[in-house]
C-alpha cells in the first residue's frame, strides 16, 4: 500500500513463510525488499565527530518522511533511526521507511494518533542517540 501511495519506502518483492528455528519453533514470516541503491543506515552516518549540520539534515529528512506518512494516513508506531535508510539528495538527505511491521494505514490520522507517533519518536530517537 505504501508504494501505491507514493511514499518513500523500500519496495517489497516477496514474503518468506513457514520458517522454523533450529529448535523446531515456528518463526514469523519475513518480507524481502529490493536493495535501495546508494542508501545508508544511520549507524554509517552517525559516528563520533559527525558534524552537527549533518545530524540536523538527517533529522530533517526523518521529519519529512514522517509528515508524508502521516498525510497519507499511515501511523508508523515504531519510528526510529534503525527503521530508516538515508540517501544523499544534493545538500540534504532523503529518508526511506524500511520497517513498517507495526504500521497501520487509516483514511486519516487523528491529532492523538500523530501525537502518539511523535512520543514514540522522541523516546526511540533519544535512546538511539545515547547508544
N, C-alpha and C. Protein backbone atom coordinates (compact mmCIF):
# COMPACT_ATOMS: atom_id res chain seq x y z
N UNK A 1 0.81 -1.20 0.00
CA UNK A 1 0.00 0.00 0.00
C UNK A 1 0.85 1.26 0.00
N UNK A 2 1.97 1.25 0.73
CA UNK A 2 2.80 2.45 0.80
C UNK A 2 3.40 2.79 -0.56
N UNK A 3 3.78 1.78 -1.34
CA UNK A 3 4.30 2.05 -2.68
C UNK A 3 3.21 2.66 -3.55
N UNK A 4 2.00 2.14 -3.44
CA UNK A 4 0.87 2.66 -4.21
C UNK A 4 0.59 4.11 -3.86
N UNK A 5 0.82 4.47 -2.61
CA UNK A 5 0.57 5.84 -2.14
C UNK A 5 1.77 6.76 -2.39
N UNK A 6 2.78 6.25 -3.08
CA UNK A 6 3.96 7.02 -3.45
C UNK A 6 4.68 7.62 -2.25
N UNK A 7 4.85 6.80 -1.23
CA UNK A 7 5.61 7.23 -0.05
C UNK A 7 7.03 6.69 -0.16
N UNK A 8 8.00 7.39 0.41
CA UNK A 8 9.38 6.93 0.34
C UNK A 8 9.59 5.70 1.22
N UNK A 9 9.61 4.55 0.60
CA UNK A 9 9.80 3.30 1.34
C UNK A 9 10.49 2.30 0.43
N UNK A 10 11.06 1.27 1.04
CA UNK A 10 11.68 0.22 0.25
C UNK A 10 10.59 -0.59 -0.44
N UNK A 11 10.96 -1.22 -1.55
CA UNK A 11 9.98 -1.97 -2.35
C UNK A 11 9.96 -3.43 -1.93
N UNK A 12 8.80 -3.92 -1.46
CA UNK A 12 8.71 -5.34 -1.11
C UNK A 12 8.71 -6.19 -2.38
N UNK A 13 9.44 -7.31 -2.34
CA UNK A 13 9.49 -8.17 -3.52
C UNK A 13 9.09 -9.62 -3.21
N UNK A 14 8.89 -9.93 -1.94
CA UNK A 14 8.50 -11.29 -1.60
C UNK A 14 8.30 -11.48 -0.11
N UNK A 15 7.68 -12.61 0.23
CA UNK A 15 7.46 -12.96 1.63
C UNK A 15 7.92 -14.40 1.82
N UNK A 16 8.66 -14.63 2.89
CA UNK A 16 9.09 -15.98 3.23
C UNK A 16 8.26 -16.44 4.42
N UNK A 17 7.53 -17.52 4.21
CA UNK A 17 6.66 -18.08 5.25
C UNK A 17 7.15 -19.47 5.65
N UNK A 18 6.46 -20.07 6.58
CA UNK A 18 6.76 -21.44 7.02
C UNK A 18 8.21 -21.60 7.47
N UNK A 19 8.70 -20.58 8.15
CA UNK A 19 10.07 -20.64 8.68
C UNK A 19 10.07 -21.36 10.02
N UNK A 20 11.16 -22.08 10.27
CA UNK A 20 11.29 -22.84 11.51
C UNK A 20 12.70 -22.63 12.07
N UNK A 21 12.79 -22.38 13.36
CA UNK A 21 14.09 -22.23 14.03
C UNK A 21 14.76 -23.59 14.15
N UNK A 22 16.05 -23.58 14.46
CA UNK A 22 16.80 -24.84 14.58
C UNK A 22 16.24 -25.74 15.67
N UNK A 23 15.53 -25.16 16.65
CA UNK A 23 14.94 -25.97 17.72
C UNK A 23 13.52 -26.43 17.39
N UNK A 24 13.07 -26.16 16.15
CA UNK A 24 11.75 -26.60 15.72
C UNK A 24 10.64 -25.60 15.94
N UNK A 25 10.92 -24.51 16.64
CA UNK A 25 9.89 -23.48 16.89
C UNK A 25 9.56 -22.75 15.59
N UNK A 26 8.27 -22.51 15.34
CA UNK A 26 7.90 -21.75 14.15
C UNK A 26 8.35 -20.29 14.27
N UNK A 27 8.75 -19.71 13.17
CA UNK A 27 9.17 -18.31 13.12
C UNK A 27 8.18 -17.50 12.31
N UNK A 28 8.11 -16.22 12.62
CA UNK A 28 7.22 -15.31 11.90
C UNK A 28 7.68 -15.18 10.44
N UNK A 29 6.75 -14.92 9.53
CA UNK A 29 7.15 -14.65 8.13
C UNK A 29 8.01 -13.38 8.06
N UNK A 30 8.82 -13.28 7.03
CA UNK A 30 9.61 -12.07 6.81
C UNK A 30 9.36 -11.55 5.40
N UNK A 31 9.51 -10.25 5.24
CA UNK A 31 9.34 -9.62 3.93
C UNK A 31 10.71 -9.33 3.35
N UNK A 32 10.88 -9.68 2.09
CA UNK A 32 12.11 -9.35 1.37
C UNK A 32 11.87 -8.05 0.61
N UNK A 33 12.86 -7.18 0.60
CA UNK A 33 12.73 -5.91 -0.12
C UNK A 33 13.88 -5.76 -1.10
N UNK A 34 13.59 -5.00 -2.14
CA UNK A 34 14.62 -4.68 -3.13
C UNK A 34 15.66 -3.76 -2.49
N UNK A 35 16.91 -3.97 -2.83
CA UNK A 35 18.00 -3.12 -2.33
C UNK A 35 17.78 -1.68 -2.78
N UNK A 36 17.86 -0.75 -1.86
CA UNK A 36 17.71 0.67 -2.16
C UNK A 36 19.10 1.23 -2.47
N UNK A 37 19.38 1.39 -3.75
CA UNK A 37 20.71 1.81 -4.19
C UNK A 37 21.14 3.12 -3.55
N UNK A 38 22.40 3.17 -3.20
CA UNK A 38 23.05 4.36 -2.65
C UNK A 38 22.51 4.76 -1.27
N UNK A 39 21.83 3.85 -0.60
CA UNK A 39 21.29 4.18 0.72
C UNK A 39 22.25 3.73 1.82
N UNK A 40 22.11 4.39 2.96
CA UNK A 40 22.95 4.08 4.12
C UNK A 40 22.10 4.02 5.38
N UNK A 41 22.40 3.08 6.28
CA UNK A 41 21.73 3.09 7.58
C UNK A 41 22.31 4.21 8.43
N UNK A 42 21.57 4.64 9.43
CA UNK A 42 22.02 5.77 10.23
C UNK A 42 23.34 5.49 10.94
N UNK A 43 23.59 4.24 11.30
CA UNK A 43 24.84 3.93 12.02
C UNK A 43 26.07 4.20 11.16
N UNK A 44 25.90 4.20 9.84
CA UNK A 44 27.01 4.55 8.95
C UNK A 44 27.21 6.06 8.88
N UNK A 45 26.19 6.80 9.22
CA UNK A 45 26.23 8.26 9.11
C UNK A 45 26.48 8.95 10.44
N UNK A 46 26.04 8.33 11.53
CA UNK A 46 26.23 8.89 12.87
C UNK A 46 27.47 8.22 13.48
N UNK A 47 28.48 8.99 13.64
CA UNK A 47 29.71 8.48 14.24
C UNK A 47 30.34 9.61 15.04
N UNK A 48 31.30 9.27 15.86
CA UNK A 48 31.94 10.33 16.64
C UNK A 48 32.60 11.30 15.68
N UNK A 49 32.40 12.55 15.91
CA UNK A 49 32.96 13.57 15.04
C UNK A 49 32.04 14.00 13.91
N UNK A 50 30.84 13.40 13.83
CA UNK A 50 29.91 13.81 12.79
C UNK A 50 29.52 15.27 13.02
N UNK A 51 29.41 16.01 11.95
CA UNK A 51 29.07 17.43 12.06
C UNK A 51 27.62 17.62 12.50
N UNK A 52 27.41 18.66 13.28
CA UNK A 52 26.05 18.96 13.75
C UNK A 52 25.13 19.23 12.56
N UNK A 53 25.64 19.88 11.52
CA UNK A 53 24.83 20.15 10.34
C UNK A 53 24.35 18.88 9.66
N UNK A 54 25.20 17.86 9.65
CA UNK A 54 24.81 16.57 9.06
C UNK A 54 23.71 15.93 9.89
N UNK A 55 23.85 15.97 11.20
CA UNK A 55 22.83 15.41 12.09
C UNK A 55 21.50 16.13 11.85
N UNK A 56 21.53 17.44 11.73
CA UNK A 56 20.29 18.20 11.53
C UNK A 56 19.66 17.85 10.18
N UNK A 57 20.46 17.66 9.14
CA UNK A 57 19.90 17.30 7.82
C UNK A 57 19.28 15.90 7.86
N UNK A 58 19.89 14.98 8.60
CA UNK A 58 19.32 13.63 8.73
C UNK A 58 17.99 13.69 9.49
N UNK A 59 17.95 14.46 10.55
CA UNK A 59 16.69 14.61 11.31
C UNK A 59 15.63 15.30 10.46
N UNK A 60 16.03 16.30 9.67
CA UNK A 60 15.08 16.95 8.76
C UNK A 60 14.47 15.93 7.80
N UNK A 61 15.31 15.05 7.26
CA UNK A 61 14.82 14.02 6.34
C UNK A 61 13.83 13.09 7.03
N UNK A 62 14.12 12.73 8.27
CA UNK A 62 13.22 11.87 9.04
C UNK A 62 11.89 12.57 9.29
N UNK A 63 11.93 13.86 9.59
CA UNK A 63 10.70 14.63 9.82
C UNK A 63 9.87 14.69 8.54
N UNK A 64 10.52 14.93 7.40
CA UNK A 64 9.80 14.98 6.13
C UNK A 64 9.14 13.63 5.85
N UNK A 65 9.85 12.54 6.10
CA UNK A 65 9.28 11.21 5.92
C UNK A 65 8.05 11.02 6.80
N UNK A 66 8.16 11.37 8.07
CA UNK A 66 7.04 11.21 8.99
C UNK A 66 5.84 12.04 8.56
N UNK A 67 6.07 13.26 8.14
CA UNK A 67 4.96 14.11 7.67
C UNK A 67 4.29 13.47 6.46
N UNK A 68 5.08 13.01 5.51
CA UNK A 68 4.50 12.38 4.31
C UNK A 68 3.68 11.14 4.67
N UNK A 69 4.19 10.34 5.61
CA UNK A 69 3.46 9.15 6.04
C UNK A 69 2.16 9.53 6.73
N UNK A 70 2.21 10.52 7.61
CA UNK A 70 1.00 10.95 8.31
C UNK A 70 -0.02 11.54 7.35
N UNK A 71 0.42 12.25 6.33
CA UNK A 71 -0.51 12.85 5.37
C UNK A 71 -1.30 11.81 4.58
N UNK A 72 -0.72 10.62 4.37
CA UNK A 72 -1.46 9.57 3.67
C UNK A 72 -2.20 8.65 4.64
N UNK A 73 -2.15 8.97 5.95
CA UNK A 73 -2.89 8.19 6.93
C UNK A 73 -2.13 7.02 7.52
N UNK A 74 -0.81 7.03 7.41
CA UNK A 74 -0.02 5.92 7.94
C UNK A 74 0.47 6.24 9.34
N UNK A 75 0.05 5.42 10.30
CA UNK A 75 0.51 5.50 11.68
C UNK A 75 1.67 4.53 11.81
N UNK A 76 2.87 5.03 12.00
CA UNK A 76 4.08 4.20 11.97
C UNK A 76 4.16 3.30 13.19
N UNK A 77 4.08 3.86 14.36
CA UNK A 77 4.08 3.06 15.58
C UNK A 77 5.44 2.60 16.07
N UNK A 78 6.49 2.79 15.28
CA UNK A 78 7.83 2.38 15.70
C UNK A 78 8.89 3.24 15.02
N UNK A 79 8.73 4.54 15.13
CA UNK A 79 9.66 5.46 14.49
C UNK A 79 11.01 5.35 15.17
N UNK A 80 12.03 5.06 14.39
CA UNK A 80 13.39 5.05 14.92
C UNK A 80 14.35 5.18 13.75
N UNK A 81 15.54 5.58 14.05
CA UNK A 81 16.56 5.70 13.01
C UNK A 81 16.91 4.33 12.44
N UNK A 82 16.73 3.29 13.23
CA UNK A 82 17.04 1.93 12.77
C UNK A 82 16.05 1.44 11.72
N UNK A 83 14.89 2.07 11.62
CA UNK A 83 13.86 1.66 10.68
C UNK A 83 13.83 2.53 9.43
N UNK A 84 14.94 3.22 9.17
CA UNK A 84 15.02 4.15 8.05
C UNK A 84 16.35 3.96 7.33
N UNK A 85 16.33 4.11 6.02
CA UNK A 85 17.56 4.23 5.24
C UNK A 85 17.63 5.66 4.72
N UNK A 86 18.83 6.16 4.57
CA UNK A 86 19.03 7.53 4.09
C UNK A 86 19.82 7.51 2.79
N UNK A 87 19.43 8.42 1.89
CA UNK A 87 20.20 8.64 0.66
C UNK A 87 20.53 10.11 0.57
N UNK A 88 21.72 10.38 0.09
CA UNK A 88 22.10 11.78 -0.13
C UNK A 88 21.25 12.34 -1.26
N UNK A 89 20.81 13.57 -1.07
CA UNK A 89 19.97 14.24 -2.06
C UNK A 89 20.47 15.68 -2.16
N UNK A 90 21.45 15.89 -3.04
CA UNK A 90 22.14 17.18 -3.17
C UNK A 90 22.78 17.53 -1.83
N UNK A 91 22.39 18.64 -1.22
CA UNK A 91 22.96 19.06 0.07
C UNK A 91 22.19 18.49 1.25
N UNK A 92 21.14 17.73 0.97
CA UNK A 92 20.28 17.22 2.04
C UNK A 92 20.33 15.68 2.02
N UNK A 93 19.43 15.09 2.76
CA UNK A 93 19.24 13.65 2.75
C UNK A 93 17.76 13.36 2.51
N UNK A 94 17.48 12.20 1.93
CA UNK A 94 16.11 11.71 1.82
C UNK A 94 16.02 10.46 2.69
N UNK A 95 14.92 10.31 3.41
CA UNK A 95 14.72 9.17 4.30
C UNK A 95 13.68 8.22 3.70
N UNK A 96 13.92 6.92 3.87
CA UNK A 96 13.03 5.89 3.32
C UNK A 96 12.65 4.92 4.43
N UNK A 97 11.36 4.65 4.54
CA UNK A 97 10.84 3.71 5.53
C UNK A 97 11.28 2.30 5.17
N UNK A 98 11.81 1.59 6.15
CA UNK A 98 12.25 0.21 5.95
C UNK A 98 11.33 -0.76 6.68
N UNK A 99 11.03 -0.51 7.92
CA UNK A 99 10.28 -1.45 8.76
C UNK A 99 8.91 -0.87 9.07
N UNK A 100 7.89 -1.41 8.41
CA UNK A 100 6.52 -0.93 8.62
C UNK A 100 5.68 -1.97 9.36
N UNK A 101 6.34 -2.90 10.02
CA UNK A 101 5.64 -4.01 10.67
C UNK A 101 4.56 -3.55 11.65
N UNK A 102 4.84 -2.50 12.40
CA UNK A 102 3.88 -2.04 13.40
C UNK A 102 2.94 -0.97 12.85
N UNK A 103 3.10 -0.63 11.58
CA UNK A 103 2.31 0.45 11.00
C UNK A 103 0.86 0.07 10.72
N UNK A 104 0.04 1.11 10.66
CA UNK A 104 -1.38 0.94 10.34
C UNK A 104 -1.77 2.03 9.34
N UNK A 105 -2.50 1.64 8.30
CA UNK A 105 -2.96 2.60 7.31
C UNK A 105 -4.42 2.95 7.59
N UNK A 106 -4.69 4.24 7.73
CA UNK A 106 -6.03 4.75 8.02
C UNK A 106 -6.44 5.74 6.93
N UNK A 107 -7.73 6.06 6.88
CA UNK A 107 -8.17 7.10 5.95
C UNK A 107 -7.50 8.43 6.27
N UNK A 108 -7.39 8.73 7.55
CA UNK A 108 -6.66 9.91 8.03
C UNK A 108 -6.29 9.66 9.49
N UNK A 109 -5.33 10.41 9.98
CA UNK A 109 -4.91 10.25 11.37
C UNK A 109 -5.51 11.35 12.23
N UNK A 110 -5.84 11.00 13.45
CA UNK A 110 -6.32 11.99 14.41
C UNK A 110 -5.11 12.70 15.02
N UNK A 111 -5.36 13.79 15.67
CA UNK A 111 -4.29 14.50 16.38
C UNK A 111 -3.65 13.59 17.41
N UNK A 112 -4.47 12.81 18.11
CA UNK A 112 -3.95 11.89 19.12
C UNK A 112 -3.03 10.83 18.53
N UNK A 113 -3.38 10.31 17.36
CA UNK A 113 -2.53 9.31 16.71
C UNK A 113 -1.19 9.92 16.30
N UNK A 114 -1.24 11.12 15.74
CA UNK A 114 0.01 11.79 15.35
C UNK A 114 0.87 12.08 16.58
N UNK A 115 0.24 12.55 17.65
CA UNK A 115 1.00 12.83 18.88
C UNK A 115 1.60 11.55 19.46
N UNK A 116 0.87 10.45 19.37
CA UNK A 116 1.39 9.16 19.85
C UNK A 116 2.64 8.77 19.06
N UNK A 117 2.60 8.91 17.74
CA UNK A 117 3.76 8.61 16.92
C UNK A 117 4.94 9.50 17.29
N UNK A 118 4.68 10.78 17.57
CA UNK A 118 5.75 11.70 17.95
C UNK A 118 6.36 11.32 19.30
N UNK A 119 5.53 10.87 20.22
CA UNK A 119 6.06 10.44 21.52
C UNK A 119 6.97 9.23 21.36
N UNK A 120 6.56 8.29 20.53
CA UNK A 120 7.40 7.12 20.25
C UNK A 120 8.72 7.57 19.62
N UNK A 121 8.63 8.52 18.70
CA UNK A 121 9.84 9.04 18.04
C UNK A 121 10.79 9.65 19.07
N UNK A 122 10.26 10.47 19.95
CA UNK A 122 11.12 11.11 20.96
C UNK A 122 11.84 10.06 21.81
N UNK A 123 11.09 9.07 22.27
CA UNK A 123 11.68 8.03 23.12
C UNK A 123 12.73 7.22 22.36
N UNK A 124 12.38 6.76 21.16
CA UNK A 124 13.31 5.92 20.40
C UNK A 124 14.55 6.68 19.94
N UNK A 125 14.35 7.90 19.46
CA UNK A 125 15.50 8.69 18.98
C UNK A 125 16.44 9.02 20.13
N UNK A 126 15.87 9.37 21.27
CA UNK A 126 16.70 9.67 22.44
C UNK A 126 17.59 8.46 22.77
N UNK A 127 16.97 7.29 22.80
CA UNK A 127 17.73 6.07 23.09
C UNK A 127 18.81 5.79 22.06
N UNK A 128 18.48 6.01 20.79
CA UNK A 128 19.47 5.75 19.75
C UNK A 128 20.62 6.75 19.80
N UNK A 129 20.34 7.99 20.13
CA UNK A 129 21.41 8.98 20.24
C UNK A 129 22.33 8.67 21.41
N UNK A 130 21.79 8.09 22.47
CA UNK A 130 22.63 7.71 23.61
C UNK A 130 23.50 6.50 23.30
N UNK A 131 23.05 5.70 22.36
CA UNK A 131 23.73 4.45 22.01
C UNK A 131 25.06 4.70 21.36
